[in-house]
Amino acid sequence: MKYAKILAVFAALALAGAGSATLLNSFGTISGTADVRPALNITDVGNVSNEEEYVNLTSQTSVSVDISHLSIADEGGSYDVLNNSENSVVELGEKVVVTDNSVSTSEVESWFGTSVLHLTTDDSAIGAGLNQNVDTVYLKIDDTVVDSFSYGDSS
């Protein structure tokens, strides 16, 4: 029972996007640390025909991830809340594609197949609009950055 509670704490920290967690024993002293991976990872950033931008996310945890408080930004932009009318839960290994709100689910399915969950930003860009050459994309749940993905050569 004690270990089930410990696992539950680490799962909660993973959902919160913590990079590491400190484990306390019943006396309140540190008895170990463990890395905790973010529940969702940015796995790819790109565009289709040099026009429609997308960000691919993948669930990296064995528990369902509530994405109702998910937002995304790029290096120069404010955070966009992500919308989905179908489902607010991502399962283990499920692929998620984020686009701006001008892209339809049928377009996303034509690019990536029908086994993806499509989320849109609340406006016509991802962040301030993804830079074609170099940028960083940030994924946030509530007020916590849970992952980032940099691409291009900034030198």
N, C-alpha and C. Protein backbone atom coordinates (compact mmCIF):
# COMPACT_ATOMS: atom_id res chain seq x y z
N MET A 1 0.83 -1.19 0.00
CA MET A 1 0.00 0.00 0.00
C MET A 1 0.87 1.25 0.00
N LYS A 2 1.94 1.23 0.79
CA LYS A 2 2.83 2.37 0.88
C LYS A 2 3.46 2.68 -0.48
N TYR A 3 3.85 1.63 -1.22
CA TYR A 3 4.47 1.85 -2.52
C TYR A 3 3.46 2.34 -3.55
N ALA A 4 2.21 1.94 -3.43
CA ALA A 4 1.17 2.43 -4.33
C ALA A 4 0.99 3.94 -4.16
N LYS A 5 1.07 4.43 -2.91
CA LYS A 5 0.97 5.86 -2.66
C LYS A 5 2.16 6.60 -3.25
N ILE A 6 3.34 6.02 -3.14
CA ILE A 6 4.54 6.63 -3.69
C ILE A 6 4.43 6.72 -5.20
N LEU A 7 3.98 5.65 -5.85
CA LEU A 7 3.79 5.67 -7.29
C LEU A 7 2.76 6.70 -7.70
N ALA A 8 1.72 6.84 -6.93
CA ALA A 8 0.68 7.84 -7.23
C ALA A 8 1.26 9.25 -7.17
N VAL A 9 2.15 9.51 -6.21
CA VAL A 9 2.79 10.81 -6.10
C VAL A 9 3.65 11.08 -7.32
N PHE A 10 4.44 10.10 -7.75
CA PHE A 10 5.28 10.28 -8.92
C PHE A 10 4.45 10.44 -10.18
N ALA A 11 3.34 9.73 -10.30
CA ALA A 11 2.45 9.90 -11.45
C ALA A 11 1.87 11.30 -11.47
N ALA A 12 1.49 11.81 -10.32
CA ALA A 12 0.94 13.17 -10.25
C ALA A 12 2.00 14.19 -10.64
N LEU A 13 3.23 13.98 -10.20
CA LEU A 13 4.31 14.89 -10.58
C LEU A 13 4.57 14.82 -12.07
N ALA A 14 4.49 13.63 -12.67
CA ALA A 14 4.68 13.50 -14.11
C ALA A 14 3.61 14.27 -14.84
N LEU A 15 2.37 14.20 -14.38
CA LEU A 15 1.30 14.93 -15.03
C LEU A 15 1.50 16.43 -14.88
N ALA A 16 2.12 16.84 -13.81
CA ALA A 16 2.38 18.26 -13.60
C ALA A 16 3.60 18.71 -14.38
N GLY A 17 4.35 17.75 -14.94
CA GLY A 17 5.49 18.10 -15.77
C GLY A 17 6.76 18.34 -15.00
N ALA A 18 6.87 17.84 -13.79
CA ALA A 18 8.07 18.06 -13.00
C ALA A 18 9.24 17.32 -13.62
N GLY A 19 10.43 17.90 -13.57
CA GLY A 19 11.62 17.27 -14.12
C GLY A 19 12.21 16.24 -13.16
N SER A 20 12.06 16.45 -11.88
CA SER A 20 12.54 15.47 -10.91
C SER A 20 11.69 15.60 -9.66
N ALA A 21 11.75 14.58 -8.85
CA ALA A 21 10.95 14.59 -7.63
C ALA A 21 11.81 14.09 -6.49
N THR A 22 11.57 14.60 -5.31
CA THR A 22 12.26 14.14 -4.11
C THR A 22 11.30 13.31 -3.29
N LEU A 23 11.75 12.14 -2.91
CA LEU A 23 10.92 11.21 -2.16
C LEU A 23 11.20 11.36 -0.67
N LEU A 24 10.16 11.50 0.12
CA LEU A 24 10.30 11.60 1.57
C LEU A 24 9.74 10.34 2.21
N ASN A 25 10.42 9.85 3.23
CA ASN A 25 9.86 8.70 3.94
C ASN A 25 8.86 9.18 4.99
N SER A 26 8.29 8.28 5.75
CA SER A 26 7.23 8.64 6.70
C SER A 26 7.72 9.57 7.81
N PHE A 27 9.04 9.68 7.99
CA PHE A 27 9.58 10.58 9.01
C PHE A 27 9.90 11.95 8.43
N GLY A 28 9.69 12.14 7.12
CA GLY A 28 9.92 13.42 6.49
C GLY A 28 11.35 13.63 6.03
N THR A 29 12.18 12.60 6.06
CA THR A 29 13.56 12.76 5.60
C THR A 29 13.69 12.22 4.18
N ILE A 30 14.65 12.77 3.46
CA ILE A 30 14.85 12.35 2.08
C ILE A 30 15.40 10.93 2.06
N SER A 31 14.74 10.07 1.27
CA SER A 31 15.23 8.70 1.16
C SER A 31 15.58 8.34 -0.28
N GLY A 32 15.45 9.28 -1.23
CA GLY A 32 15.82 9.00 -2.61
C GLY A 32 15.21 10.03 -3.55
N THR A 33 15.73 10.04 -4.77
CA THR A 33 15.17 10.92 -5.80
C THR A 33 14.93 10.09 -7.05
N ALA A 34 14.09 10.61 -7.94
CA ALA A 34 13.81 9.90 -9.19
C ALA A 34 13.49 10.90 -10.27
N ASP A 35 13.90 10.61 -11.49
CA ASP A 35 13.51 11.43 -12.62
C ASP A 35 12.06 11.14 -12.97
N VAL A 36 11.34 12.18 -13.32
CA VAL A 36 9.95 12.04 -13.73
C VAL A 36 9.83 12.68 -15.11
N ARG A 37 9.44 11.89 -16.11
CA ARG A 37 9.29 12.42 -17.46
C ARG A 37 7.98 13.17 -17.59
N PRO A 38 7.95 14.17 -18.48
CA PRO A 38 6.67 14.84 -18.72
C PRO A 38 5.68 13.86 -19.34
N ALA A 39 4.41 14.08 -19.07
CA ALA A 39 3.37 13.19 -19.56
C ALA A 39 3.21 13.28 -21.07
N LEU A 40 3.44 14.45 -21.64
CA LEU A 40 3.39 14.65 -23.09
C LEU A 40 4.71 15.21 -23.56
N ASN A 41 5.17 14.71 -24.70
CA ASN A 41 6.41 15.22 -25.29
C ASN A 41 6.13 15.77 -26.68
N ILE A 42 6.82 16.86 -27.00
CA ILE A 42 6.82 17.36 -28.37
C ILE A 42 7.79 16.48 -29.14
N THR A 43 7.30 15.81 -30.17
CA THR A 43 8.14 14.86 -30.92
C THR A 43 8.53 15.36 -32.30
N ASP A 44 7.84 16.39 -32.81
CA ASP A 44 8.14 16.88 -34.15
C ASP A 44 7.47 18.24 -34.34
N VAL A 45 8.13 19.11 -35.09
CA VAL A 45 7.57 20.39 -35.49
C VAL A 45 7.83 20.53 -36.98
N GLY A 46 6.82 20.95 -37.74
CA GLY A 46 7.04 21.08 -39.17
C GLY A 46 5.92 21.82 -39.86
N ASN A 47 5.91 21.70 -41.17
CA ASN A 47 4.84 22.31 -41.96
C ASN A 47 4.56 21.43 -43.17
N VAL A 48 3.38 21.59 -43.72
CA VAL A 48 2.97 20.86 -44.91
C VAL A 48 2.95 21.86 -46.05
N SER A 49 3.67 21.56 -47.11
CA SER A 49 3.76 22.43 -48.30
C SER A 49 4.21 23.84 -47.93
N ASN A 50 5.09 23.95 -46.95
CA ASN A 50 5.61 25.25 -46.48
C ASN A 50 4.53 26.23 -46.08
N GLU A 51 3.35 25.73 -45.72
CA GLU A 51 2.26 26.62 -45.32
C GLU A 51 1.67 26.25 -43.98
N GLU A 52 1.04 25.11 -43.88
CA GLU A 52 0.32 24.71 -42.67
C GLU A 52 1.30 24.17 -41.62
N GLU A 53 1.43 24.89 -40.51
CA GLU A 53 2.33 24.50 -39.43
C GLU A 53 1.67 23.45 -38.54
N TYR A 54 2.49 22.57 -37.98
CA TYR A 54 1.97 21.58 -37.03
C TYR A 54 3.03 21.27 -35.98
N VAL A 55 2.56 20.79 -34.84
CA VAL A 55 3.41 20.27 -33.77
C VAL A 55 2.84 18.91 -33.40
N ASN A 56 3.69 17.88 -33.38
CA ASN A 56 3.27 16.54 -32.97
C ASN A 56 3.63 16.33 -31.51
N LEU A 57 2.68 15.78 -30.76
CA LEU A 57 2.88 15.41 -29.36
C LEU A 57 2.61 13.92 -29.22
N THR A 58 3.26 13.30 -28.24
CA THR A 58 3.02 11.90 -27.94
C THR A 58 2.95 11.72 -26.43
N SER A 59 1.98 10.92 -25.98
CA SER A 59 1.86 10.60 -24.57
C SER A 59 2.98 9.66 -24.17
N GLN A 60 3.67 9.97 -23.06
CA GLN A 60 4.80 9.18 -22.59
C GLN A 60 4.55 8.52 -21.24
N THR A 61 3.30 8.44 -20.83
CA THR A 61 3.00 7.90 -19.51
C THR A 61 1.95 6.80 -19.62
N SER A 62 1.87 5.96 -18.62
CA SER A 62 0.93 4.83 -18.65
C SER A 62 -0.44 5.21 -18.12
N VAL A 63 -0.62 6.47 -17.74
CA VAL A 63 -1.93 6.92 -17.27
C VAL A 63 -2.51 7.90 -18.27
N SER A 64 -3.81 8.06 -18.27
CA SER A 64 -4.47 9.02 -19.15
C SER A 64 -4.05 10.43 -18.76
N VAL A 65 -3.86 11.30 -19.76
CA VAL A 65 -3.43 12.66 -19.53
C VAL A 65 -4.57 13.60 -19.87
N ASP A 66 -4.98 14.40 -18.90
CA ASP A 66 -6.02 15.40 -19.11
C ASP A 66 -5.39 16.58 -19.85
N ILE A 67 -5.88 16.86 -21.05
CA ILE A 67 -5.30 17.94 -21.85
C ILE A 67 -6.19 19.17 -21.88
N SER A 68 -7.16 19.23 -20.98
CA SER A 68 -8.08 20.36 -20.99
C SER A 68 -7.40 21.66 -20.57
N HIS A 69 -6.22 21.61 -19.98
CA HIS A 69 -5.50 22.81 -19.55
C HIS A 69 -4.19 22.98 -20.30
N LEU A 70 -4.13 22.44 -21.51
CA LEU A 70 -2.91 22.45 -22.30
C LEU A 70 -2.81 23.72 -23.13
N SER A 71 -1.59 24.29 -23.21
CA SER A 71 -1.35 25.44 -24.07
C SER A 71 0.02 25.30 -24.71
N ILE A 72 0.25 26.10 -25.77
CA ILE A 72 1.49 25.99 -26.54
C ILE A 72 1.93 27.37 -26.97
N ALA A 73 3.25 27.56 -27.11
CA ALA A 73 3.80 28.84 -27.58
C ALA A 73 5.09 28.58 -28.31
N ASP A 74 5.54 29.58 -29.07
CA ASP A 74 6.87 29.53 -29.63
C ASP A 74 7.73 30.58 -28.93
N GLU A 75 8.97 30.71 -29.38
CA GLU A 75 9.93 31.59 -28.70
C GLU A 75 9.41 33.02 -28.54
N GLY A 76 8.69 33.54 -29.52
CA GLY A 76 8.29 34.94 -29.45
C GLY A 76 6.82 35.17 -29.13
N GLY A 77 6.09 34.11 -28.81
CA GLY A 77 4.65 34.30 -28.69
C GLY A 77 4.09 34.06 -27.31
N SER A 78 2.90 34.53 -27.14
CA SER A 78 2.17 34.22 -25.92
C SER A 78 1.57 32.83 -26.07
N TYR A 79 1.14 32.26 -24.97
CA TYR A 79 0.59 30.91 -25.00
C TYR A 79 -0.80 30.89 -25.60
N ASP A 80 -1.02 29.91 -26.48
CA ASP A 80 -2.34 29.65 -27.07
C ASP A 80 -2.96 28.46 -26.36
N VAL A 81 -4.19 28.62 -25.92
CA VAL A 81 -4.94 27.49 -25.34
C VAL A 81 -5.28 26.54 -26.48
N LEU A 82 -5.16 25.24 -26.22
CA LEU A 82 -5.47 24.24 -27.25
C LEU A 82 -6.89 23.74 -27.07
N ASN A 83 -7.60 23.66 -28.18
CA ASN A 83 -9.01 23.29 -28.18
C ASN A 83 -9.21 21.95 -28.88
N ASN A 84 -10.18 21.21 -28.39
CA ASN A 84 -10.57 19.96 -29.02
C ASN A 84 -12.01 19.68 -28.65
N SER A 85 -12.81 19.41 -29.65
CA SER A 85 -14.22 19.14 -29.39
C SER A 85 -14.50 17.66 -29.17
N GLU A 86 -13.52 16.80 -29.47
CA GLU A 86 -13.75 15.36 -29.40
C GLU A 86 -13.43 14.76 -28.03
N ASN A 87 -12.27 15.07 -27.49
CA ASN A 87 -11.78 14.35 -26.33
C ASN A 87 -10.79 15.23 -25.58
N SER A 88 -10.80 15.18 -24.26
CA SER A 88 -9.82 15.95 -23.50
C SER A 88 -8.86 15.05 -22.75
N VAL A 89 -8.74 13.79 -23.20
CA VAL A 89 -7.85 12.83 -22.56
C VAL A 89 -7.00 12.17 -23.64
N VAL A 90 -5.69 12.05 -23.37
CA VAL A 90 -4.76 11.38 -24.26
C VAL A 90 -4.31 10.10 -23.57
N GLU A 91 -4.33 9.00 -24.29
CA GLU A 91 -3.92 7.70 -23.76
C GLU A 91 -2.46 7.43 -24.10
N LEU A 92 -1.85 6.45 -23.45
CA LEU A 92 -0.45 6.06 -23.66
C LEU A 92 -0.17 5.85 -25.14
N GLY A 93 0.87 6.52 -25.64
CA GLY A 93 1.30 6.34 -27.02
C GLY A 93 0.45 7.03 -28.05
N GLU A 94 -0.65 7.65 -27.64
CA GLU A 94 -1.52 8.31 -28.60
C GLU A 94 -0.81 9.52 -29.21
N LYS A 95 -0.96 9.67 -30.51
CA LYS A 95 -0.37 10.79 -31.23
C LYS A 95 -1.35 11.95 -31.26
N VAL A 96 -0.83 13.15 -31.03
CA VAL A 96 -1.62 14.37 -31.03
C VAL A 96 -0.98 15.33 -32.03
N VAL A 97 -1.79 15.93 -32.88
CA VAL A 97 -1.29 16.92 -33.83
C VAL A 97 -1.94 18.27 -33.49
N VAL A 98 -1.09 19.29 -33.29
CA VAL A 98 -1.54 20.64 -32.99
C VAL A 98 -1.37 21.49 -34.24
N THR A 99 -2.43 22.21 -34.61
CA THR A 99 -2.37 23.16 -35.72
C THR A 99 -3.08 24.44 -35.30
N ASP A 100 -3.02 25.45 -36.17
CA ASP A 100 -3.82 26.64 -35.89
C ASP A 100 -5.27 26.33 -36.20
N ASN A 101 -6.16 27.26 -35.86
CA ASN A 101 -7.59 26.96 -35.97
C ASN A 101 -8.15 27.02 -37.39
N SER A 102 -7.31 27.30 -38.39
CA SER A 102 -7.78 27.29 -39.77
C SER A 102 -7.67 25.92 -40.42
N VAL A 103 -6.99 24.98 -39.76
CA VAL A 103 -6.78 23.65 -40.33
C VAL A 103 -7.87 22.71 -39.82
N SER A 104 -8.48 21.98 -40.73
CA SER A 104 -9.56 21.06 -40.36
C SER A 104 -9.00 19.70 -39.96
N THR A 105 -9.79 18.96 -39.21
CA THR A 105 -9.40 17.60 -38.82
C THR A 105 -9.23 16.72 -40.05
N SER A 106 -10.05 16.90 -41.07
CA SER A 106 -9.90 16.08 -42.29
C SER A 106 -8.56 16.35 -42.98
N GLU A 107 -8.07 17.60 -42.93
CA GLU A 107 -6.75 17.90 -43.48
C GLU A 107 -5.66 17.17 -42.70
N VAL A 108 -5.75 17.24 -41.36
CA VAL A 108 -4.76 16.57 -40.51
C VAL A 108 -4.77 15.07 -40.78
N GLU A 109 -5.95 14.48 -40.90
CA GLU A 109 -6.05 13.05 -41.19
C GLU A 109 -5.46 12.70 -42.56
N SER A 110 -5.55 13.60 -43.53
CA SER A 110 -4.95 13.34 -44.84
C SER A 110 -3.42 13.37 -44.77
N TRP A 111 -2.86 14.11 -43.80
CA TRP A 111 -1.41 14.18 -43.64
C TRP A 111 -0.86 13.04 -42.80
N PHE A 112 -1.57 12.69 -41.68
CA PHE A 112 -1.02 11.77 -40.69
C PHE A 112 -1.84 10.51 -40.48
N GLY A 113 -2.97 10.37 -41.16
CA GLY A 113 -3.83 9.21 -40.95
C GLY A 113 -4.91 9.52 -39.92
N THR A 114 -5.81 8.59 -39.75
CA THR A 114 -6.98 8.83 -38.89
C THR A 114 -6.74 8.49 -37.43
N SER A 115 -5.58 7.98 -37.09
CA SER A 115 -5.34 7.56 -35.70
C SER A 115 -4.64 8.65 -34.89
N VAL A 116 -4.96 9.91 -35.15
CA VAL A 116 -4.38 11.02 -34.39
C VAL A 116 -5.50 11.87 -33.79
N LEU A 117 -5.18 12.49 -32.68
CA LEU A 117 -6.09 13.44 -32.05
C LEU A 117 -5.68 14.83 -32.51
N HIS A 118 -6.60 15.61 -33.05
CA HIS A 118 -6.30 16.94 -33.58
C HIS A 118 -6.70 18.01 -32.58
N LEU A 119 -5.73 18.84 -32.18
CA LEU A 119 -5.97 19.99 -31.32
C LEU A 119 -5.66 21.25 -32.11
N THR A 120 -6.42 22.31 -31.87
CA THR A 120 -6.16 23.57 -32.56
C THR A 120 -5.86 24.66 -31.54
N THR A 121 -5.10 25.66 -32.01
CA THR A 121 -4.87 26.84 -31.18
C THR A 121 -6.14 27.68 -31.19
N ASP A 122 -6.16 28.68 -30.33
CA ASP A 122 -7.34 29.54 -30.25
C ASP A 122 -7.28 30.72 -31.21
N ASP A 123 -6.31 30.70 -32.14
CA ASP A 123 -6.22 31.73 -33.17
C ASP A 123 -5.58 31.15 -34.43
N SER A 124 -5.11 32.01 -35.33
CA SER A 124 -4.63 31.55 -36.63
C SER A 124 -3.12 31.31 -36.68
N ALA A 125 -2.49 31.05 -35.54
CA ALA A 125 -1.06 30.75 -35.52
C ALA A 125 -0.74 29.88 -34.30
N ILE A 126 0.38 29.20 -34.39
CA ILE A 126 0.92 28.49 -33.22
C ILE A 126 1.89 29.48 -32.58
N GLY A 127 1.56 29.94 -31.39
CA GLY A 127 2.33 31.01 -30.76
C GLY A 127 2.20 32.26 -31.61
N ALA A 128 3.35 32.84 -31.96
CA ALA A 128 3.36 34.03 -32.82
C ALA A 128 3.55 33.63 -34.28
N GLY A 129 3.46 32.35 -34.58
CA GLY A 129 3.75 31.83 -35.91
C GLY A 129 5.13 31.23 -35.89
N LEU A 130 5.24 29.95 -36.23
CA LEU A 130 6.53 29.26 -36.13
C LEU A 130 7.49 29.80 -37.18
N ASN A 131 8.72 30.06 -36.75
CA ASN A 131 9.77 30.50 -37.64
C ASN A 131 10.20 29.31 -38.50
N GLN A 132 10.40 29.51 -39.78
CA GLN A 132 10.77 28.41 -40.68
C GLN A 132 12.19 27.90 -40.44
N ASN A 133 13.09 28.76 -39.91
CA ASN A 133 14.50 28.38 -39.81
C ASN A 133 14.93 27.93 -38.42
N VAL A 134 14.51 28.67 -37.39
CA VAL A 134 14.93 28.35 -36.03
C VAL A 134 13.86 28.85 -35.06
N ASP A 135 13.51 28.03 -34.09
CA ASP A 135 12.50 28.42 -33.11
C ASP A 135 12.52 27.40 -31.98
N THR A 136 11.83 27.73 -30.91
CA THR A 136 11.60 26.80 -29.81
C THR A 136 10.11 26.81 -29.52
N VAL A 137 9.54 25.62 -29.36
CA VAL A 137 8.12 25.46 -29.04
C VAL A 137 8.04 24.99 -27.59
N TYR A 138 7.11 25.58 -26.83
CA TYR A 138 6.92 25.24 -25.42
C TYR A 138 5.52 24.68 -25.21
N LEU A 139 5.43 23.62 -24.44
CA LEU A 139 4.15 23.00 -24.09
C LEU A 139 3.93 23.20 -22.60
N LYS A 140 2.74 23.66 -22.25
CA LYS A 140 2.45 24.01 -20.87
C LYS A 140 1.13 23.36 -20.44
N ILE A 141 1.09 22.83 -19.23
CA ILE A 141 -0.15 22.38 -18.61
C ILE A 141 -0.35 23.27 -17.40
N ASP A 142 -1.49 23.96 -17.38
CA ASP A 142 -1.74 25.00 -16.39
C ASP A 142 -0.60 26.01 -16.45
N ASP A 143 0.15 26.21 -15.38
CA ASP A 143 1.22 27.20 -15.37
C ASP A 143 2.61 26.58 -15.44
N THR A 144 2.69 25.28 -15.78
CA THR A 144 3.96 24.58 -15.76
C THR A 144 4.38 24.18 -17.18
N VAL A 145 5.58 24.59 -17.60
CA VAL A 145 6.12 24.13 -18.87
C VAL A 145 6.51 22.67 -18.70
N VAL A 146 5.93 21.79 -19.52
CA VAL A 146 6.18 20.36 -19.38
C VAL A 146 7.14 19.84 -20.44
N ASP A 147 7.33 20.59 -21.53
CA ASP A 147 8.28 20.16 -22.55
C ASP A 147 8.59 21.34 -23.46
N SER A 148 9.75 21.25 -24.11
CA SER A 148 10.10 22.24 -25.12
C SER A 148 10.84 21.51 -26.24
N PHE A 149 10.84 22.10 -27.41
CA PHE A 149 11.45 21.48 -28.59
C PHE A 149 12.06 22.59 -29.41
N SER A 150 13.39 22.55 -29.59
CA SER A 150 14.09 23.55 -30.39
C SER A 150 14.49 22.93 -31.72
N TYR A 151 14.42 23.73 -32.77
CA TYR A 151 14.84 23.24 -34.09
C TYR A 151 15.56 24.34 -34.82
N GLY A 152 16.35 23.93 -35.83
CA GLY A 152 17.12 24.87 -36.63
C GLY A 152 18.46 25.16 -36.01
N ASP A 153 19.26 25.94 -36.71
CA ASP A 153 20.60 26.30 -36.26
C ASP A 153 20.61 27.78 -35.89
N SER A 154 20.74 28.06 -34.61
CA SER A 154 20.69 29.46 -34.14
C SER A 154 22.03 30.18 -34.26
N SER A 155 23.07 29.50 -34.74
CA SER A 155 24.38 30.16 -34.83
C SER A 155 24.54 30.97 -36.09
